[in-house]
Amino acid sequence: MSIGNSPEDERPFEDVSEEARPSVGRALQQARIAAGKTVEDISNATRVRTAIVRAIEADDFTPCGGDVYARGHIRTLAKAVGLDPDPLLAQYEAMTGGRPAPTPAAPLFEAERIRPERRGPNWTAAMVAAIVVVIGFVGFTAFKGDSGTTSAKEQVTENSTPTADRTDPPEPKSSKPAEPTPEPSDSAIAAAPQDKVTVRVSATNGRSWISAKDHNGRMLFDGLLDKGETKTFQDSTRINLILGDAGAVQLYVNGKKIEDQFQPGAVERLTYTKGDPQAG
């Protein structure tokens, strides 16, 4: 029988209380700071979102989506900051009551889902659709007008009966010939501003749909040009044209007639600048 304290009583007392041990999140945060890394650095290295990293360091494991995924995040973050993940996982299990509960798939999916970015309206497709509608309307109107004129002529022919007794008075003939549409003269070419691009569109052979924009894309004109009508457009740099029926119009660019052989009914997209038309 020994007298006094036993050797076991002489061992220093080790403080292993829960209060002395930092929490799981606090331990991860302290290790990250000691490693000189930011939350963004850890997120980029582990592909765990910054919001989840911040929540775990605050001991909030709700954004993880469940115990199974929280354990996986703890293991991943611990390795990233140089800690042994096993003690942290044991501490987490003690905190949550042991074995992790099964995690439903839907909340996890909602937590990890990357929302698709919103796309704006497809203005190009809308513009093409609008052009197709306008061209179709122009073609239908022209076809309808030609059909009506033909029917009226046929009706007059059928109802007309030549008679020998009928004498129509001769129509007076005009001694003055019809004046042709004047084209720009040399003086008109010289008068065109040198610091601007000037485009003149004349519907000489019929009516056509016309669209004209300046170099900034601002709409200068968008509509039908009836036969005999003329529109003139000016810009400091560039004029963009779309002709619904290129064969029905005549173009004058910077005071000079464009001699391109446009086909009737053809849609042409044209661009003219201050240097057009090229000489030669």
Protein backbone atom coordinates (compact mmCIF):
# COMPACT_ATOMS: atom_id res chain seq x y z
CA MET A 1 0.00 0.00 0.00
CA SER A 2 1.54 3.30 -1.16
CA ILE A 3 1.27 6.53 0.67
CA GLY A 4 0.70 9.78 -1.22
CA ASN A 5 -0.43 10.46 -4.68
CA SER A 6 -0.26 7.79 -7.31
CA PRO A 7 1.72 8.38 -10.53
CA GLU A 8 -1.53 8.74 -12.39
CA ASP A 9 -2.44 11.69 -10.21
CA GLU A 10 0.86 13.39 -11.11
CA ARG A 11 0.05 13.55 -14.90
CA PRO A 12 -0.84 17.02 -16.17
CA PHE A 13 -4.54 17.53 -16.78
CA GLU A 14 -5.33 17.92 -20.53
CA ASP A 15 -8.15 20.28 -21.33
CA VAL A 16 -10.29 18.55 -23.96
CA SER A 17 -13.50 20.37 -23.20
CA GLU A 18 -15.71 21.29 -26.12
CA GLU A 19 -15.37 24.97 -25.23
CA ALA A 20 -11.59 24.87 -25.81
CA ARG A 21 -11.91 23.27 -29.25
CA PRO A 22 -12.88 25.58 -32.17
CA SER A 23 -15.96 24.67 -34.18
CA VAL A 24 -15.69 22.99 -37.56
CA GLY A 25 -16.30 26.22 -39.46
CA ARG A 26 -14.00 28.22 -37.20
CA ALA A 27 -11.19 25.69 -37.63
CA LEU A 28 -11.52 25.83 -41.41
CA GLN A 29 -11.56 29.64 -41.38
CA GLN A 30 -8.49 29.90 -39.14
CA ALA A 31 -6.57 27.44 -41.34
CA ARG A 32 -7.54 29.37 -44.48
CA ILE A 33 -6.39 32.67 -42.98
CA ALA A 34 -3.15 31.09 -41.76
CA ALA A 35 -2.55 29.81 -45.32
CA GLY A 36 -3.00 33.35 -46.67
CA LYS A 37 -5.94 32.42 -48.90
CA THR A 38 -9.25 34.20 -49.52
CA VAL A 39 -12.68 32.64 -49.77
CA GLU A 40 -12.53 33.17 -53.54
CA ASP A 41 -9.19 31.31 -53.69
CA ILE A 42 -10.69 28.32 -51.88
CA SER A 43 -13.82 28.42 -54.07
CA ASN A 44 -11.75 28.44 -57.28
CA ALA A 45 -9.54 25.60 -56.03
CA THR A 46 -12.39 23.36 -54.81
CA ARG A 47 -15.24 24.47 -57.11
CA VAL A 48 -17.39 24.95 -54.01
CA ARG A 49 -19.39 28.15 -54.36
CA THR A 50 -18.26 31.13 -52.29
CA ALA A 51 -21.65 31.37 -50.59
CA ILE A 52 -21.35 27.77 -49.35
CA VAL A 53 -17.73 28.32 -48.19
CA ARG A 54 -18.78 31.39 -46.17
CA ALA A 55 -21.76 29.53 -44.69
CA ILE A 56 -19.62 26.54 -43.61
CA GLU A 57 -17.06 28.86 -41.99
CA ALA A 58 -20.01 30.35 -40.06
CA ASP A 59 -21.08 26.79 -39.05
CA ASP A 60 -24.19 27.06 -41.23
CA PHE A 61 -24.44 23.81 -43.21
CA THR A 62 -27.94 24.38 -44.59
CA PRO A 63 -26.80 25.55 -48.06
CA CYS A 64 -24.90 22.26 -48.49
CA GLY A 65 -28.18 20.45 -49.15
CA GLY A 66 -27.83 17.75 -46.49
CA ASP A 67 -25.42 15.89 -44.21
CA VAL A 68 -23.89 13.75 -46.96
CA TYR A 69 -22.91 16.79 -49.01
CA ALA A 70 -21.89 18.77 -45.94
CA ARG A 71 -19.41 16.00 -45.06
CA GLY A 72 -18.07 16.07 -48.61
CA HIS A 73 -17.62 19.86 -48.49
CA ILE A 74 -15.88 19.67 -45.10
CA ARG A 75 -13.46 17.04 -46.42
CA THR A 76 -12.75 19.08 -49.56
CA LEU A 77 -12.21 22.38 -47.73
CA ALA A 78 -10.03 20.75 -45.07
CA LYS A 79 -7.67 19.34 -47.70
CA ALA A 80 -7.56 22.73 -49.44
CA VAL A 81 -6.34 24.50 -46.28
CA GLY A 82 -4.02 21.69 -45.13
CA LEU A 83 -6.10 20.15 -42.31
CA ASP A 84 -6.81 16.52 -41.52
CA PRO A 85 -10.49 16.11 -42.39
CA ASP A 86 -11.17 13.11 -40.11
CA PRO A 87 -11.24 15.03 -36.76
CA LEU A 88 -13.45 17.68 -38.33
CA LEU A 89 -15.83 15.03 -39.67
CA ALA A 90 -15.98 13.36 -36.26
CA GLN A 91 -16.72 16.72 -34.65
CA TYR A 92 -19.43 17.39 -37.25
CA GLU A 93 -21.04 13.99 -36.62
CA ALA A 94 -21.01 14.62 -32.89
CA MET A 95 -22.61 17.99 -33.46
CA THR A 96 -25.33 16.62 -35.76
CA GLY A 97 -26.01 13.48 -33.73
CA GLY A 98 -24.03 10.76 -35.49
CA ARG A 99 -25.07 9.08 -38.68
CA PRO A 100 -26.09 11.53 -41.42
CA ALA A 101 -29.72 11.55 -42.45
CA PRO A 102 -30.58 10.79 -46.08
CA THR A 103 -30.74 13.88 -48.27
CA PRO A 104 -33.66 14.40 -50.65
CA ALA A 105 -32.56 15.05 -54.22
CA ALA A 106 -34.80 18.03 -54.94
CA PRO A 107 -33.41 20.48 -52.31
CA LEU A 108 -29.85 19.60 -53.29
CA PHE A 109 -30.66 20.23 -56.91
CA GLU A 110 -32.14 23.59 -56.04
CA ALA A 111 -29.07 24.49 -53.98
CA GLU A 112 -26.49 23.54 -56.62
CA ARG A 113 -28.39 24.45 -59.76
CA ILE A 114 -26.82 27.07 -61.95
CA ARG A 115 -29.56 29.20 -63.36
CA PRO A 116 -29.35 29.84 -67.10
CA GLU A 117 -28.71 33.41 -68.07
CA ARG A 118 -31.57 35.26 -69.65
CA ARG A 119 -31.37 35.82 -73.36
CA GLY A 120 -32.57 38.92 -75.05
CA PRO A 121 -35.01 38.97 -77.98
CA ASN A 122 -33.67 37.89 -81.35
CA TRP A 123 -33.97 41.17 -83.25
CA THR A 124 -32.31 39.77 -86.38
CA ALA A 125 -34.96 37.07 -86.81
CA ALA A 126 -37.70 39.63 -86.15
CA MET A 127 -36.28 41.97 -88.82
CA VAL A 128 -36.02 39.18 -91.40
CA ALA A 129 -39.61 38.13 -90.67
CA ALA A 130 -40.80 41.74 -91.08
CA ILE A 131 -38.99 42.07 -94.43
CA VAL A 132 -40.55 38.80 -95.69
CA VAL A 133 -44.03 40.04 -94.69
CA VAL A 134 -43.52 43.39 -96.44
CA ILE A 135 -42.19 41.76 -99.62
CA GLY A 136 -45.12 39.34 -99.63
CA PHE A 137 -47.56 42.22 -99.21
CA VAL A 138 -45.94 44.18 -102.07
CA GLY A 139 -46.02 41.15 -104.38
CA PHE A 140 -49.66 40.39 -103.53
CA THR A 141 -50.70 44.02 -104.07
CA ALA A 142 -48.90 44.22 -107.41
CA PHE A 143 -50.41 40.92 -108.57
CA LYS A 144 -53.89 42.00 -107.50
CA GLY A 145 -53.53 45.34 -109.28
CA ASP A 146 -52.33 43.72 -112.52
CA SER A 147 -55.18 41.17 -112.40
CA GLY A 148 -57.78 43.94 -111.93
CA THR A 149 -56.39 45.95 -114.85
CA THR A 150 -56.38 42.89 -117.14
CA SER A 151 -59.96 41.96 -116.23
CA ALA A 152 -61.18 45.50 -116.91
CA LYS A 153 -59.48 45.54 -120.33
CA GLU A 154 -60.99 42.16 -121.26
CA GLN A 155 -64.45 43.33 -120.20
CA VAL A 156 -64.21 46.45 -122.36
CA THR A 157 -63.06 44.37 -125.32
CA GLU A 158 -65.91 41.88 -124.98
CA ASN A 159 -68.61 44.58 -124.63
CA SER A 160 -67.32 46.68 -127.53
CA THR A 161 -69.17 46.03 -130.80
CA PRO A 162 -67.89 47.88 -133.88
CA THR A 163 -70.64 49.67 -135.84
CA ALA A 164 -70.41 51.12 -139.33
CA ASP A 165 -72.70 54.08 -138.52
CA ARG A 166 -70.67 55.28 -135.54
CA THR A 167 -68.08 57.87 -136.32
CA ASP A 168 -65.80 58.94 -133.52
CA PRO A 169 -64.27 62.37 -133.79
CA PRO A 170 -60.54 62.24 -134.28
CA GLU A 171 -58.57 62.92 -131.17
CA PRO A 172 -56.46 66.03 -131.36
CA LYS A 173 -52.82 65.20 -131.65
CA SER A 174 -50.42 67.10 -129.56
CA SER A 175 -47.59 68.52 -131.55
CA LYS A 176 -45.44 68.65 -128.43
CA PRO A 177 -43.79 65.26 -127.59
CA ALA A 178 -43.85 63.98 -124.03
CA GLU A 179 -40.91 65.17 -122.05
CA PRO A 180 -38.76 62.35 -120.66
CA THR A 181 -37.82 62.36 -117.00
CA PRO A 182 -34.69 64.51 -116.76
CA GLU A 183 -31.57 62.82 -115.47
CA PRO A 184 -29.01 64.63 -113.33
CA SER A 185 -26.77 66.81 -115.46
CA ASP A 186 -23.05 67.45 -115.05
CA SER A 187 -23.89 70.51 -112.99
CA ALA A 188 -26.03 68.38 -110.66
CA ILE A 189 -23.13 65.95 -110.27
CA ALA A 190 -20.80 68.79 -109.44
CA ALA A 191 -23.34 70.22 -106.98
CA ALA A 192 -23.45 67.00 -104.90
CA PRO A 193 -21.81 67.69 -101.50
CA GLN A 194 -18.28 66.27 -101.42
CA ASP A 195 -18.32 65.75 -97.65
CA LYS A 196 -21.51 63.68 -97.65
CA VAL A 197 -22.95 60.64 -99.39
CA THR A 198 -26.15 61.45 -101.32
CA VAL A 199 -28.44 58.69 -102.61
CA ARG A 200 -31.49 59.40 -104.75
CA VAL A 201 -34.03 56.62 -105.36
CA SER A 202 -36.61 57.07 -108.17
CA ALA A 203 -39.44 54.60 -108.81
CA THR A 204 -39.30 54.85 -112.60
CA ASN A 205 -40.67 51.42 -113.60
CA GLY A 206 -43.20 50.75 -110.86
CA ARG A 207 -43.51 50.95 -107.12
CA SER A 208 -41.16 49.29 -104.69
CA TRP A 209 -40.64 48.93 -100.96
CA ILE A 210 -37.61 50.93 -99.79
CA SER A 211 -35.64 50.85 -96.52
CA ALA A 212 -32.83 53.37 -95.90
CA LYS A 213 -30.57 53.70 -92.83
CA ASP A 214 -27.64 55.97 -91.96
CA HIS A 215 -24.23 54.80 -90.69
CA ASN A 216 -25.55 54.64 -87.12
CA GLY A 217 -28.39 52.31 -88.10
CA ARG A 218 -31.02 55.06 -87.69
CA MET A 219 -34.00 54.52 -89.99
CA LEU A 220 -34.28 57.29 -92.61
CA PHE A 221 -37.21 55.78 -94.55
CA ASP A 222 -39.17 52.55 -94.52
CA GLY A 223 -42.17 52.22 -96.82
CA LEU A 224 -43.54 52.00 -100.35
CA LEU A 225 -42.33 54.28 -103.10
CA ASP A 226 -45.07 54.67 -105.75
CA LYS A 227 -44.24 54.91 -109.44
CA GLY A 228 -42.92 58.36 -110.27
CA GLU A 229 -41.95 59.17 -106.66
CA THR A 230 -38.41 60.04 -105.62
CA LYS A 231 -36.64 59.96 -102.25
CA THR A 232 -33.24 61.48 -101.47
CA PHE A 233 -31.09 60.41 -98.48
CA GLN A 234 -27.90 61.98 -97.12
CA ASP A 235 -25.40 60.96 -94.46
CA SER A 236 -21.89 61.97 -93.49
CA THR A 237 -20.46 58.47 -93.97
CA ARG A 238 -22.69 55.72 -95.34
CA ILE A 239 -26.23 54.95 -96.61
CA ASN A 240 -27.56 51.37 -96.29
CA LEU A 241 -30.40 50.48 -98.70
CA ILE A 242 -32.78 47.56 -99.08
CA LEU A 243 -34.81 47.53 -102.33
CA GLY A 244 -37.88 45.31 -102.32
CA ASP A 245 -38.15 45.43 -106.14
CA ALA A 246 -34.78 46.60 -107.45
CA GLY A 247 -35.90 46.42 -111.09
CA ALA A 248 -38.52 49.11 -110.49
CA VAL A 249 -36.13 51.83 -109.30
CA GLN A 250 -33.27 53.94 -110.63
CA LEU A 251 -30.41 54.98 -108.32
CA TYR A 252 -28.29 58.12 -108.38
CA VAL A 253 -25.34 58.10 -105.99
CA ASN A 254 -23.48 61.36 -105.35
CA GLY A 255 -25.15 62.79 -108.46
CA LYS A 256 -24.21 59.92 -110.76
CA LYS A 257 -26.56 57.31 -112.24
CA ILE A 258 -25.96 53.71 -111.18
CA GLU A 259 -25.99 51.46 -114.24
CA ASP A 260 -26.44 48.11 -112.44
CA GLN A 261 -28.83 45.80 -114.23
CA PHE A 262 -31.28 45.07 -111.40
CA GLN A 263 -33.84 42.38 -112.19
CA PRO A 264 -37.59 43.01 -111.67
CA GLY A 265 -38.76 41.60 -108.36
CA ALA A 266 -35.19 41.14 -107.06
CA VAL A 267 -34.38 42.17 -103.48
CA GLU A 268 -31.08 44.07 -103.28
CA ARG A 269 -29.09 45.12 -100.18
CA LEU A 270 -26.77 48.00 -101.07
CA THR A 271 -24.29 50.23 -99.25
CA TYR A 272 -22.89 53.50 -100.65
CA THR A 273 -20.23 55.83 -99.24
CA LYS A 274 -18.78 59.23 -100.19
CA GLY A 275 -16.39 57.62 -102.67
CA ASP A 276 -19.10 55.83 -104.68
CA PRO A 277 -19.57 55.16 -107.47
CA GLN A 278 -15.99 54.24 -108.25
CA ALA A 279 -14.61 55.90 -111.32
CA GLY A 280 -13.62 53.84 -114.32
